[in-house]
Amino acid sequence: MNDATAGQSPAPNDKDLLAQVRQAWAEVLDLDSADEVPLDVNFLEAGGSSLLLIMLWEELHPLASHTLKVSDLFQHSTVTAQAALLAAPPAATGTPDGGGGRGRDGLLGRARRGQLVSE
C-alpha cells in the first residue's frame, strides 16, 4: 500500500500520540501488548482487515485534530504514519489528489450533482 507519510515520524512531543495509536492497534488486533505492534508495517500486513480498520478508525478519530476519514487510515497505513496524520494540522491533511476532485470522493460527488463529464 502507498503510505503517504512513509518515513515521517511524529514530533518528539507526540510520543504519547504514537503510544495511543500503538495501543489502539493492539486492542483492535487483539494483541496482548502494544509492544507487539510494529511501527512501520502496514495494518493489513500486521493482521488487520477492512472491518478491523473501521474499528481502528473508531478508536483513533477522537484523537485527531481534524476530521479523520476511514480512507485516511488506508492511505496512512502504519502506526508511525497514522500518528503523524493525527498530529498534523488540518491544512496538511488534504487528499492525495490535492483536493482537486479527481479521486473517488470527487468523482462520486460530481456524479451525484450531475457534473460528471468525460475528462
C-alpha atoms as a PDB file:
ATOM      1  CA  MET A   1       0.000   0.000   0.000  1.00  0.00           C
ATOM      2  CA  ASN A   2       1.078   3.529  -0.653  1.00  0.00           C
ATOM      3  CA  ASP A   3       1.838   5.225   2.627  1.00  0.00           C
ATOM      4  CA  ALA A   4       1.580   8.984   2.196  1.00  0.00           C
ATOM      5  CA  THR A   5       3.776   9.763   5.195  1.00  0.00           C
ATOM      6  CA  ALA A   6       6.277   6.908   4.979  1.00  0.00           C
ATOM      7  CA  GLY A   7       9.483   7.787   6.715  1.00  0.00           C
ATOM      8  CA  GLN A   8       7.902  10.571   8.719  1.00  0.00           C
ATOM      9  CA  SER A   9       7.873  10.280  12.461  1.00  0.00           C
ATOM     10  CA  PRO A  10       5.669  12.282  14.757  1.00  0.00           C
ATOM     11  CA  ALA A  11       7.412  15.151  16.526  1.00  0.00           C
ATOM     12  CA  PRO A  12       9.163  14.160  19.766  1.00  0.00           C
ATOM     13  CA  ASN A  13       6.371  15.716  21.855  1.00  0.00           C
ATOM     14  CA  ASP A  14       3.930  13.386  20.091  1.00  0.00           C
ATOM     15  CA  LYS A  15       5.353  10.209  21.639  1.00  0.00           C
ATOM     16  CA  ASP A  16       2.168   9.913  23.699  1.00  0.00           C
ATOM     17  CA  LEU A  17       0.129  10.006  20.492  1.00  0.00           C
ATOM     18  CA  LEU A  18       2.352   7.320  18.982  1.00  0.00           C
ATOM     19  CA  ALA A  19       1.764   5.182  22.088  1.00  0.00           C
ATOM     20  CA  GLN A  20      -2.006   5.780  21.846  1.00  0.00           C
ATOM     21  CA  VAL A  21      -2.075   4.699  18.189  1.00  0.00           C
ATOM     22  CA  ARG A  22       0.001   1.652  19.012  1.00  0.00           C
ATOM     23  CA  GLN A  23      -2.353   0.774  21.882  1.00  0.00           C
ATOM     24  CA  ALA A  24      -5.392   1.160  19.605  1.00  0.00           C
ATOM     25  CA  TRP A  25      -3.793  -1.233  17.104  1.00  0.00           C
ATOM     26  CA  ALA A  26      -3.103  -3.730  19.889  1.00  0.00           C
ATOM     27  CA  GLU A  27      -6.739  -3.621  21.007  1.00  0.00           C
ATOM     28  CA  VAL A  28      -8.151  -3.944  17.500  1.00  0.00           C
ATOM     29  CA  LEU A  29      -5.709  -6.699  16.516  1.00  0.00           C
ATOM     30  CA  ASP A  30      -6.339  -8.463  19.851  1.00  0.00           C
ATOM     31  CA  LEU A  31      -2.683  -8.451  20.878  1.00  0.00           C
ATOM     32  CA  ASP A  32      -1.566  -8.836  24.482  1.00  0.00           C
ATOM     33  CA  SER A  33       0.667  -5.768  24.460  1.00  0.00           C
ATOM     34  CA  ALA A  34       1.194  -2.611  22.449  1.00  0.00           C
ATOM     35  CA  ASP A  35       4.878  -3.583  22.360  1.00  0.00           C
ATOM     36  CA  GLU A  36       3.887  -6.328  19.899  1.00  0.00           C
ATOM     37  CA  VAL A  37       2.637  -3.742  17.387  1.00  0.00           C
ATOM     38  CA  PRO A  38       5.200  -2.905  14.672  1.00  0.00           C
ATOM     39  CA  LEU A  39       5.683   0.797  13.979  1.00  0.00           C
ATOM     40  CA  ASP A  40       6.313   0.657  10.245  1.00  0.00           C
ATOM     41  CA  VAL A  41       4.289  -2.313   8.992  1.00  0.00           C
ATOM     42  CA  ASN A  42       1.085  -1.844   7.016  1.00  0.00           C
ATOM     43  CA  PHE A  43      -2.076  -2.508   9.065  1.00  0.00           C
ATOM     44  CA  LEU A  44      -3.272  -5.225   6.677  1.00  0.00           C
ATOM     45  CA  GLU A  45       0.130  -6.930   6.721  1.00  0.00           C
ATOM     46  CA  ALA A  46       0.099  -6.813  10.546  1.00  0.00           C
ATOM     47  CA  GLY A  47      -3.037  -8.968  10.581  1.00  0.00           C
ATOM     48  CA  GLY A  48      -5.730  -6.344  10.076  1.00  0.00           C
ATOM     49  CA  SER A  49      -8.679  -6.362   7.694  1.00  0.00           C
ATOM     50  CA  SER A  50     -11.040  -3.780   6.240  1.00  0.00           C
ATOM     51  CA  LEU A  51     -13.527  -4.378   9.040  1.00  0.00           C
ATOM     52  CA  LEU A  52     -10.820  -4.080  11.684  1.00  0.00           C
ATOM     53  CA  LEU A  53      -9.655  -0.840  10.054  1.00  0.00           C
ATOM     54  CA  ILE A  54     -13.116   0.616  10.667  1.00  0.00           C
ATOM     55  CA  MET A  55     -12.813  -0.445  14.296  1.00  0.00           C
ATOM     56  CA  LEU A  56      -9.390   1.226  14.403  1.00  0.00           C
ATOM     57  CA  TRP A  57     -10.915   4.415  12.990  1.00  0.00           C
ATOM     58  CA  GLU A  58     -13.446   4.364  15.847  1.00  0.00           C
ATOM     59  CA  GLU A  59     -10.545   4.300  18.299  1.00  0.00           C
ATOM     60  CA  LEU A  60      -8.443   6.946  16.541  1.00  0.00           C
ATOM     61  CA  HIS A  61     -10.866   9.591  15.296  1.00  0.00           C
ATOM     62  CA  PRO A  62     -11.308  11.172  18.762  1.00  0.00           C
ATOM     63  CA  LEU A  63      -7.532  11.729  18.848  1.00  0.00           C
ATOM     64  CA  ALA A  64      -7.430  13.658  15.564  1.00  0.00           C
ATOM     65  CA  SER A  65      -7.044  17.423  15.426  1.00  0.00           C
ATOM     66  CA  HIS A  66      -9.198  17.411  12.262  1.00  0.00           C
ATOM     67  CA  THR A  67     -11.826  15.299  10.536  1.00  0.00           C
ATOM     68  CA  LEU A  68     -10.466  11.804  10.080  1.00  0.00           C
ATOM     69  CA  LYS A  69     -11.873   9.505   7.398  1.00  0.00           C
ATOM     70  CA  VAL A  70     -11.500   5.744   7.229  1.00  0.00           C
ATOM     71  CA  SER A  71      -9.835   6.236   3.844  1.00  0.00           C
ATOM     72  CA  ASP A  72      -7.143   8.312   5.582  1.00  0.00           C
ATOM     73  CA  LEU A  73      -6.162   5.204   7.524  1.00  0.00           C
ATOM     74  CA  PHE A  74      -5.825   3.210   4.298  1.00  0.00           C
ATOM     75  CA  GLN A  75      -3.564   5.913   2.882  1.00  0.00           C
ATOM     76  CA  HIS A  76      -1.571   6.272   6.124  1.00  0.00           C
ATOM     77  CA  SER A  77      -1.331   2.600   6.932  1.00  0.00           C
ATOM     78  CA  THR A  78       1.381   2.294   9.590  1.00  0.00           C
ATOM     79  CA  VAL A  79       1.420   3.271  13.254  1.00  0.00           C
ATOM     80  CA  THR A  80       4.059   5.916  12.560  1.00  0.00           C
ATOM     81  CA  ALA A  81       2.161   7.382   9.610  1.00  0.00           C
ATOM     82  CA  GLN A  82      -1.146   7.405  11.495  1.00  0.00           C
ATOM     83  CA  ALA A  83       0.375   9.163  14.496  1.00  0.00           C
ATOM     84  CA  ALA A  84       1.851  11.787  12.168  1.00  0.00           C
ATOM     85  CA  LEU A  85      -1.534  12.136  10.440  1.00  0.00           C
ATOM     86  CA  LEU A  86      -3.348  12.630  13.743  1.00  0.00           C
ATOM     87  CA  ALA A  87      -0.799  15.230  14.870  1.00  0.00           C
ATOM     88  CA  ALA A  88      -0.836  17.148  11.581  1.00  0.00           C
ATOM     89  CA  PRO A  89      -2.654  20.478  11.407  1.00  0.00           C
ATOM     90  CA  PRO A  90      -5.936  20.378   9.442  1.00  0.00           C
ATOM     91  CA  ALA A  91      -4.488  22.135   6.373  1.00  0.00           C
ATOM     92  CA  ALA A  92      -1.796  19.449   5.988  1.00  0.00           C
ATOM     93  CA  THR A  93      -4.247  16.579   5.654  1.00  0.00           C
ATOM     94  CA  GLY A  94      -5.505  17.053   2.102  1.00  0.00           C
ATOM     95  CA  THR A  95      -6.422  14.134  -0.086  1.00  0.00           C
ATOM     96  CA  PRO A  96      -3.696  12.552  -2.236  1.00  0.00           C
ATOM     97  CA  ASP A  97      -5.227  14.109  -5.343  1.00  0.00           C
ATOM     98  CA  GLY A  98      -4.725  17.557  -3.804  1.00  0.00           C
ATOM     99  CA  GLY A  99      -8.438  18.040  -3.246  1.00  0.00           C
ATOM    100  CA  GLY A 100      -8.965  18.629  -6.941  1.00  0.00           C
ATOM    101  CA  GLY A 101     -11.889  16.249  -7.139  1.00  0.00           C
ATOM    102  CA  ARG A 102     -10.188  13.636  -9.279  1.00  0.00           C
ATOM    103  CA  GLY A 103     -10.205  10.952  -6.564  1.00  0.00           C
ATOM    104  CA  ARG A 104     -13.065   8.583  -5.812  1.00  0.00           C
ATOM    105  CA  ASP A 105     -14.847  11.008  -3.458  1.00  0.00           C
ATOM    106  CA  GLY A 106     -14.586  13.799  -6.005  1.00  0.00           C
ATOM    107  CA  LEU A 107     -15.985  11.639  -8.795  1.00  0.00           C
ATOM    108  CA  LEU A 108     -18.886  10.399  -6.683  1.00  0.00           C
ATOM    109  CA  GLY A 109     -19.743  13.903  -5.546  1.00  0.00           C
ATOM    110  CA  ARG A 110     -19.697  15.265  -9.086  1.00  0.00           C
ATOM    111  CA  ALA A 111     -21.778  12.332 -10.332  1.00  0.00           C
ATOM    112  CA  ARG A 112     -24.370  12.939  -7.642  1.00  0.00           C
ATOM    113  CA  ARG A 113     -24.548  16.592  -8.638  1.00  0.00           C
ATOM    114  CA  GLY A 114     -24.863  15.676 -12.330  1.00  0.00           C
ATOM    115  CA  GLN A 115     -21.497  17.262 -13.084  1.00  0.00           C
ATOM    116  CA  LEU A 116     -19.644  14.175 -14.276  1.00  0.00           C
ATOM    117  CA  VAL A 117     -18.408  14.558 -17.822  1.00  0.00           C
ATOM    118  CA  SER A 118     -15.697  12.778 -19.739  1.00  0.00           C
ATOM    119  CA  GLU A 119     -12.315  14.332 -18.998  1.00  0.00           C
END
